[in-house]
Amino acid sequence: MTASPDRIELISNDITQLRVDAIVNAANRSLLGGGGVDGAIHRAAGPELLAECRTLNGCETGQAKITRGYRLPAHYVVHAVGPIWQGGDRNEPELLAACYRNCLNLAVANNIRTIAFPAISCGVYGYPLDEAARIAVREVRSFLANEDRIETVYLVCFGEAVHDAYRQALQEEAREERRADGTSR
């Protein structure tokens, strides 16, 4: 079984405005808000999100936890703690891949059918964008190939560079899949 390309959508939008079942927050280990996507989600969700996050006792790198969405259009926020890039030899690829898998597993466990991901770890955490996009696409496609309870995964791009990296990663993954199926071109 392969992941239908139409179950993954690449969009340029404000993740805090999406009407989906869940959005993913590129969180820090405290889960108490920060800059970038994390700060934007906390501001848009309101103080109730911070109050719920305080009850979760943080989250380890590579892991994910779920909260309600409060004032967001999304019903849930899945908080994923991505790795800080330190050159790639400190388990960063495995930890980033685990973020995507753990978010998707939480989505299935909570009957989430539509979920939107930002480019986890690509902001202040400094993960190289092209590599992070390849990991994200590979993990999402692999998960969807074996799981039909998620209808759509949105890869939400902030800026043209992010959009280009994800578009390229989707194209590369599709080529690899065709090669594996014996329909290369």
C-alpha atoms as a PDB file:
ATOM      1  CA  MET A   1       0.000   0.000   0.000  1.00  0.00           C
ATOM      2  CA  THR A   2       1.368   3.448  -0.851  1.00  0.00           C
ATOM      3  CA  ALA A   3       0.401   6.870   0.459  1.00  0.00           C
ATOM      4  CA  SER A   4      -1.902   8.569  -1.974  1.00  0.00           C
ATOM      5  CA  PRO A   5      -0.273  11.861  -2.995  1.00  0.00           C
ATOM      6  CA  ASP A   6      -3.591  13.648  -2.522  1.00  0.00           C
ATOM      7  CA  ARG A   7      -3.510  12.818   1.208  1.00  0.00           C
ATOM      8  CA  ILE A   8      -0.495  15.122   1.603  1.00  0.00           C
ATOM      9  CA  GLU A   9      -1.048  18.775   0.781  1.00  0.00           C
ATOM     10  CA  LEU A  10       1.652  21.411   0.616  1.00  0.00           C
ATOM     11  CA  ILE A  11       0.237  24.806   1.566  1.00  0.00           C
ATOM     12  CA  SER A  12       1.497  28.285   2.368  1.00  0.00           C
ATOM     13  CA  ASN A  13      -0.659  29.622   5.150  1.00  0.00           C
ATOM     14  CA  ASP A  14      -0.784  30.762   8.748  1.00  0.00           C
ATOM     15  CA  ILE A  15      -1.022  27.511  10.702  1.00  0.00           C
ATOM     16  CA  THR A  16      -2.976  29.245  13.470  1.00  0.00           C
ATOM     17  CA  GLN A  17      -5.816  29.989  11.023  1.00  0.00           C
ATOM     18  CA  LEU A  18      -6.312  26.481   9.646  1.00  0.00           C
ATOM     19  CA  ARG A  19      -9.629  24.722  10.157  1.00  0.00           C
ATOM     20  CA  VAL A  20      -8.284  21.224  10.711  1.00  0.00           C
ATOM     21  CA  ASP A  21      -8.686  18.702  13.477  1.00  0.00           C
ATOM     22  CA  ALA A  22      -5.159  19.372  14.788  1.00  0.00           C
ATOM     23  CA  ILE A  23      -2.165  21.571  14.203  1.00  0.00           C
ATOM     24  CA  VAL A  24       1.338  20.639  15.277  1.00  0.00           C
ATOM     25  CA  ASN A  25       3.286  23.045  17.418  1.00  0.00           C
ATOM     26  CA  ALA A  26       7.060  23.101  17.017  1.00  0.00           C
ATOM     27  CA  ALA A  27       7.433  23.378  20.778  1.00  0.00           C
ATOM     28  CA  ASN A  28      10.303  23.625  23.206  1.00  0.00           C
ATOM     29  CA  ARG A  29      10.782  21.071  25.996  1.00  0.00           C
ATOM     30  CA  SER A  30       8.922  23.153  28.582  1.00  0.00           C
ATOM     31  CA  LEU A  31       5.785  23.376  26.363  1.00  0.00           C
ATOM     32  CA  LEU A  32       5.244  26.810  27.895  1.00  0.00           C
ATOM     33  CA  GLY A  33       5.521  28.858  24.720  1.00  0.00           C
ATOM     34  CA  GLY A  34       8.393  30.500  22.958  1.00  0.00           C
ATOM     35  CA  GLY A  35       9.116  32.254  19.690  1.00  0.00           C
ATOM     36  CA  GLY A  36       8.199  31.506  16.100  1.00  0.00           C
ATOM     37  CA  VAL A  37       5.371  29.034  15.481  1.00  0.00           C
ATOM     38  CA  ASP A  38       5.272  28.129  19.174  1.00  0.00           C
ATOM     39  CA  GLY A  39       4.646  31.709  20.275  1.00  0.00           C
ATOM     40  CA  ALA A  40       2.109  32.319  17.501  1.00  0.00           C
ATOM     41  CA  ILE A  41       0.120  29.223  18.478  1.00  0.00           C
ATOM     42  CA  HIS A  42       0.135  30.142  22.164  1.00  0.00           C
ATOM     43  CA  ARG A  43      -0.998  33.703  21.393  1.00  0.00           C
ATOM     44  CA  ALA A  44      -3.780  32.569  19.078  1.00  0.00           C
ATOM     45  CA  ALA A  45      -5.013  29.807  21.412  1.00  0.00           C
ATOM     46  CA  GLY A  46      -5.195  32.081  24.443  1.00  0.00           C
ATOM     47  CA  PRO A  47      -4.091  31.616  28.065  1.00  0.00           C
ATOM     48  CA  GLU A  48      -6.018  28.368  28.467  1.00  0.00           C
ATOM     49  CA  LEU A  49      -3.441  26.599  26.295  1.00  0.00           C
ATOM     50  CA  LEU A  50      -0.612  27.683  28.558  1.00  0.00           C
ATOM     51  CA  ALA A  51      -2.601  26.577  31.607  1.00  0.00           C
ATOM     52  CA  GLU A  52      -3.117  23.097  30.137  1.00  0.00           C
ATOM     53  CA  CYS A  53       0.532  22.867  29.033  1.00  0.00           C
ATOM     54  CA  ARG A  54       1.621  23.569  32.616  1.00  0.00           C
ATOM     55  CA  THR A  55      -0.084  20.307  33.655  1.00  0.00           C
ATOM     56  CA  LEU A  56       1.918  18.221  31.144  1.00  0.00           C
ATOM     57  CA  ASN A  57       5.336  18.493  32.835  1.00  0.00           C
ATOM     58  CA  GLY A  58       7.147  19.284  29.604  1.00  0.00           C
ATOM     59  CA  CYS A  59       8.064  16.929  26.790  1.00  0.00           C
ATOM     60  CA  GLU A  60      11.272  15.223  25.720  1.00  0.00           C
ATOM     61  CA  THR A  61      12.938  15.833  22.360  1.00  0.00           C
ATOM     62  CA  GLY A  62      11.464  13.563  19.695  1.00  0.00           C
ATOM     63  CA  GLN A  63       8.241  13.101  21.652  1.00  0.00           C
ATOM     64  CA  ALA A  64       4.810  14.736  21.379  1.00  0.00           C
ATOM     65  CA  LYS A  65       1.882  15.588  23.643  1.00  0.00           C
ATOM     66  CA  ILE A  66      -1.636  16.745  22.829  1.00  0.00           C
ATOM     67  CA  THR A  67      -3.843  19.520  24.194  1.00  0.00           C
ATOM     68  CA  ARG A  68      -7.093  21.155  23.235  1.00  0.00           C
ATOM     69  CA  GLY A  69      -6.969  23.991  20.700  1.00  0.00           C
ATOM     70  CA  TYR A  70      -8.984  26.507  22.738  1.00  0.00           C
ATOM     71  CA  ARG A  71      -9.364  29.705  20.669  1.00  0.00           C
ATOM     72  CA  LEU A  72      -7.774  28.204  17.557  1.00  0.00           C
ATOM     73  CA  PRO A  73      -9.937  26.953  14.674  1.00  0.00           C
ATOM     74  CA  ALA A  74      -8.173  23.580  15.171  1.00  0.00           C
ATOM     75  CA  HIS A  75      -9.668  21.327  17.843  1.00  0.00           C
ATOM     76  CA  TYR A  76      -6.284  20.093  19.064  1.00  0.00           C
ATOM     77  CA  VAL A  77      -2.655  21.130  19.273  1.00  0.00           C
ATOM     78  CA  VAL A  78      -0.053  18.385  19.095  1.00  0.00           C
ATOM     79  CA  HIS A  79       3.145  19.710  20.677  1.00  0.00           C
ATOM     80  CA  ALA A  80       6.291  18.161  19.173  1.00  0.00           C
ATOM     81  CA  VAL A  81       9.761  18.885  20.470  1.00  0.00           C
ATOM     82  CA  GLY A  82      12.209  18.742  17.615  1.00  0.00           C
ATOM     83  CA  PRO A  83      15.963  18.470  17.973  1.00  0.00           C
ATOM     84  CA  ILE A  84      18.301  21.422  17.987  1.00  0.00           C
ATOM     85  CA  TRP A  85      20.717  21.024  15.060  1.00  0.00           C
ATOM     86  CA  GLN A  86      24.229  20.350  16.317  1.00  0.00           C
ATOM     87  CA  GLY A  87      25.850  19.125  13.132  1.00  0.00           C
ATOM     88  CA  GLY A  88      23.841  15.944  12.585  1.00  0.00           C
ATOM     89  CA  ASP A  89      25.859  13.510  14.659  1.00  0.00           C
ATOM     90  CA  ARG A  90      23.791  13.776  17.835  1.00  0.00           C
ATOM     91  CA  ASN A  91      20.840  11.657  16.708  1.00  0.00           C
ATOM     92  CA  GLU A  92      19.081  14.680  15.168  1.00  0.00           C
ATOM     93  CA  PRO A  93      17.646  12.827  12.120  1.00  0.00           C
ATOM     94  CA  GLU A  94      16.208  10.038  14.283  1.00  0.00           C
ATOM     95  CA  LEU A  95      14.750  12.516  16.770  1.00  0.00           C
ATOM     96  CA  LEU A  96      13.151  14.600  14.026  1.00  0.00           C
ATOM     97  CA  ALA A  97      11.678  11.500  12.387  1.00  0.00           C
ATOM     98  CA  ALA A  98      10.318  10.416  15.779  1.00  0.00           C
ATOM     99  CA  CYS A  99       8.547  13.780  16.119  1.00  0.00           C
ATOM    100  CA  TYR A 100       6.525  13.136  12.976  1.00  0.00           C
ATOM    101  CA  ARG A 101       5.742   9.513  13.875  1.00  0.00           C
ATOM    102  CA  ASN A 102       4.718  10.409  17.422  1.00  0.00           C
ATOM    103  CA  CYS A 103       2.458  13.234  16.225  1.00  0.00           C
ATOM    104  CA  LEU A 104       0.775  10.957  13.704  1.00  0.00           C
ATOM    105  CA  ASN A 105       0.325   8.206  16.300  1.00  0.00           C
ATOM    106  CA  LEU A 106      -1.297  10.716  18.667  1.00  0.00           C
ATOM    107  CA  ALA A 107      -3.538  11.846  15.823  1.00  0.00           C
ATOM    108  CA  VAL A 108      -4.778   8.316  15.204  1.00  0.00           C
ATOM    109  CA  ALA A 109      -5.248   7.678  18.941  1.00  0.00           C
ATOM    110  CA  ASN A 110      -7.407  10.821  19.180  1.00  0.00           C
ATOM    111  CA  ASN A 111      -9.484  10.216  16.025  1.00  0.00           C
ATOM    112  CA  ILE A 112      -7.866  13.151  14.250  1.00  0.00           C
ATOM    113  CA  ARG A 113      -8.519  12.989  10.503  1.00  0.00           C
ATOM    114  CA  THR A 114      -6.761  16.180   9.365  1.00  0.00           C
ATOM    115  CA  ILE A 115      -3.472  17.464  10.760  1.00  0.00           C
ATOM    116  CA  ALA A 116      -1.157  20.329   9.802  1.00  0.00           C
ATOM    117  CA  PHE A 117       2.601  20.345  10.400  1.00  0.00           C
ATOM    118  CA  PRO A 118       4.994  23.294  10.367  1.00  0.00           C
ATOM    119  CA  ALA A 119       8.642  22.728   9.432  1.00  0.00           C
ATOM    120  CA  ILE A 120       9.678  21.305  12.815  1.00  0.00           C
ATOM    121  CA  SER A 121      13.157  22.368  14.021  1.00  0.00           C
ATOM    122  CA  CYS A 122      13.798  24.589  10.970  1.00  0.00           C
ATOM    123  CA  GLY A 123      13.503  27.941  12.744  1.00  0.00           C
ATOM    124  CA  VAL A 124      15.691  28.894  15.671  1.00  0.00           C
ATOM    125  CA  TYR A 125      16.634  25.219  16.168  1.00  0.00           C
ATOM    126  CA  GLY A 126      18.652  25.528  12.945  1.00  0.00           C
ATOM    127  CA  TYR A 127      17.871  22.210  11.253  1.00  0.00           C
ATOM    128  CA  PRO A 128      18.964  22.307   7.583  1.00  0.00           C
ATOM    129  CA  LEU A 129      15.754  22.881   5.657  1.00  0.00           C
ATOM    130  CA  ASP A 130      16.310  20.447   2.772  1.00  0.00           C
ATOM    131  CA  GLU A 131      17.197  17.574   5.080  1.00  0.00           C
ATOM    132  CA  ALA A 132      14.319  18.329   7.457  1.00  0.00           C
ATOM    133  CA  ALA A 133      11.871  18.423   4.546  1.00  0.00           C
ATOM    134  CA  ARG A 134      13.089  15.024   3.293  1.00  0.00           C
ATOM    135  CA  ILE A 135      12.653  13.516   6.762  1.00  0.00           C
ATOM    136  CA  ALA A 136       9.178  15.017   7.161  1.00  0.00           C
ATOM    137  CA  VAL A 137       7.959  13.816   3.766  1.00  0.00           C
ATOM    138  CA  ARG A 138       9.469  10.347   4.193  1.00  0.00           C
ATOM    139  CA  GLU A 139       7.895   9.870   7.633  1.00  0.00           C
ATOM    140  CA  VAL A 140       4.471  11.182   6.635  1.00  0.00           C
ATOM    141  CA  ARG A 141       4.334   9.106   3.447  1.00  0.00           C
ATOM    142  CA  SER A 142       5.514   5.990   5.272  1.00  0.00           C
ATOM    143  CA  PHE A 143       2.916   6.459   7.998  1.00  0.00           C
ATOM    144  CA  LEU A 144       0.072   7.087   5.557  1.00  0.00           C
ATOM    145  CA  ALA A 145       1.034   4.007   3.549  1.00  0.00           C
ATOM    146  CA  ASN A 146      -0.012   1.875   6.513  1.00  0.00           C
ATOM    147  CA  GLU A 147      -2.726   4.031   8.071  1.00  0.00           C
ATOM    148  CA  ASP A 148      -5.973   5.110   6.430  1.00  0.00           C
ATOM    149  CA  ARG A 149      -7.617   6.820   9.406  1.00  0.00           C
ATOM    150  CA  ILE A 150      -5.875  10.107   8.608  1.00  0.00           C
ATOM    151  CA  GLU A 151      -7.511  11.778   5.614  1.00  0.00           C
ATOM    152  CA  THR A 152      -5.117  14.664   4.988  1.00  0.00           C
ATOM    153  CA  VAL A 153      -1.742  15.799   6.243  1.00  0.00           C
ATOM    154  CA  TYR A 154      -0.954  19.427   5.486  1.00  0.00           C
ATOM    155  CA  LEU A 155       2.672  20.513   5.294  1.00  0.00           C
ATOM    156  CA  VAL A 156       2.423  24.202   6.098  1.00  0.00           C
ATOM    157  CA  CYS A 157       5.135  26.401   4.654  1.00  0.00           C
ATOM    158  CA  PHE A 158       6.177  29.755   6.015  1.00  0.00           C
ATOM    159  CA  GLY A 159       8.081  31.397   3.199  1.00  0.00           C
ATOM    160  CA  GLU A 160       9.175  30.474  -0.286  1.00  0.00           C
ATOM    161  CA  ALA A 161      12.344  28.627   0.794  1.00  0.00           C
ATOM    162  CA  VAL A 162      10.329  26.257   2.985  1.00  0.00           C
ATOM    163  CA  HIS A 163       7.772  25.706   0.223  1.00  0.00           C
ATOM    164  CA  ASP A 164      10.526  24.944  -2.307  1.00  0.00           C
ATOM    165  CA  ALA A 165      12.269  22.496   0.048  1.00  0.00           C
ATOM    166  CA  TYR A 166       9.054  20.585   0.726  1.00  0.00           C
ATOM    167  CA  ARG A 167       8.018  20.556  -2.947  1.00  0.00           C
ATOM    168  CA  GLN A 168      11.438  19.137  -3.848  1.00  0.00           C
ATOM    169  CA  ALA A 169      11.223  16.516  -1.085  1.00  0.00           C
ATOM    170  CA  LEU A 170       7.760  15.436  -2.277  1.00  0.00           C
ATOM    171  CA  GLN A 171       9.038  15.104  -5.844  1.00  0.00           C
ATOM    172  CA  GLU A 172      12.086  13.074  -4.726  1.00  0.00           C
ATOM    173  CA  GLU A 173       9.926  10.776  -2.601  1.00  0.00           C
ATOM    174  CA  ALA A 174       7.509  10.224  -5.504  1.00  0.00           C
ATOM    175  CA  ARG A 175      10.436   9.332  -7.798  1.00  0.00           C
ATOM    176  CA  GLU A 176      11.778   6.866  -5.235  1.00  0.00           C
ATOM    177  CA  GLU A 177       8.350   5.298  -4.853  1.00  0.00           C
ATOM    178  CA  ARG A 178       8.004   4.886  -8.636  1.00  0.00           C
ATOM    179  CA  ARG A 179      11.464   3.256  -8.772  1.00  0.00           C
ATOM    180  CA  ALA A 180      10.493   0.869  -5.995  1.00  0.00           C
ATOM    181  CA  ASP A 181       7.282  -0.001  -7.859  1.00  0.00           C
ATOM    182  CA  GLY A 182       9.235  -0.547 -11.092  1.00  0.00           C
ATOM    183  CA  THR A 183       7.626   2.389 -12.894  1.00  0.00           C
ATOM    184  CA  SER A 184      10.650   4.676 -12.892  1.00  0.00           C
ATOM    185  CA  ARG A 185      10.647   7.936 -14.784  1.00  0.00           C
END
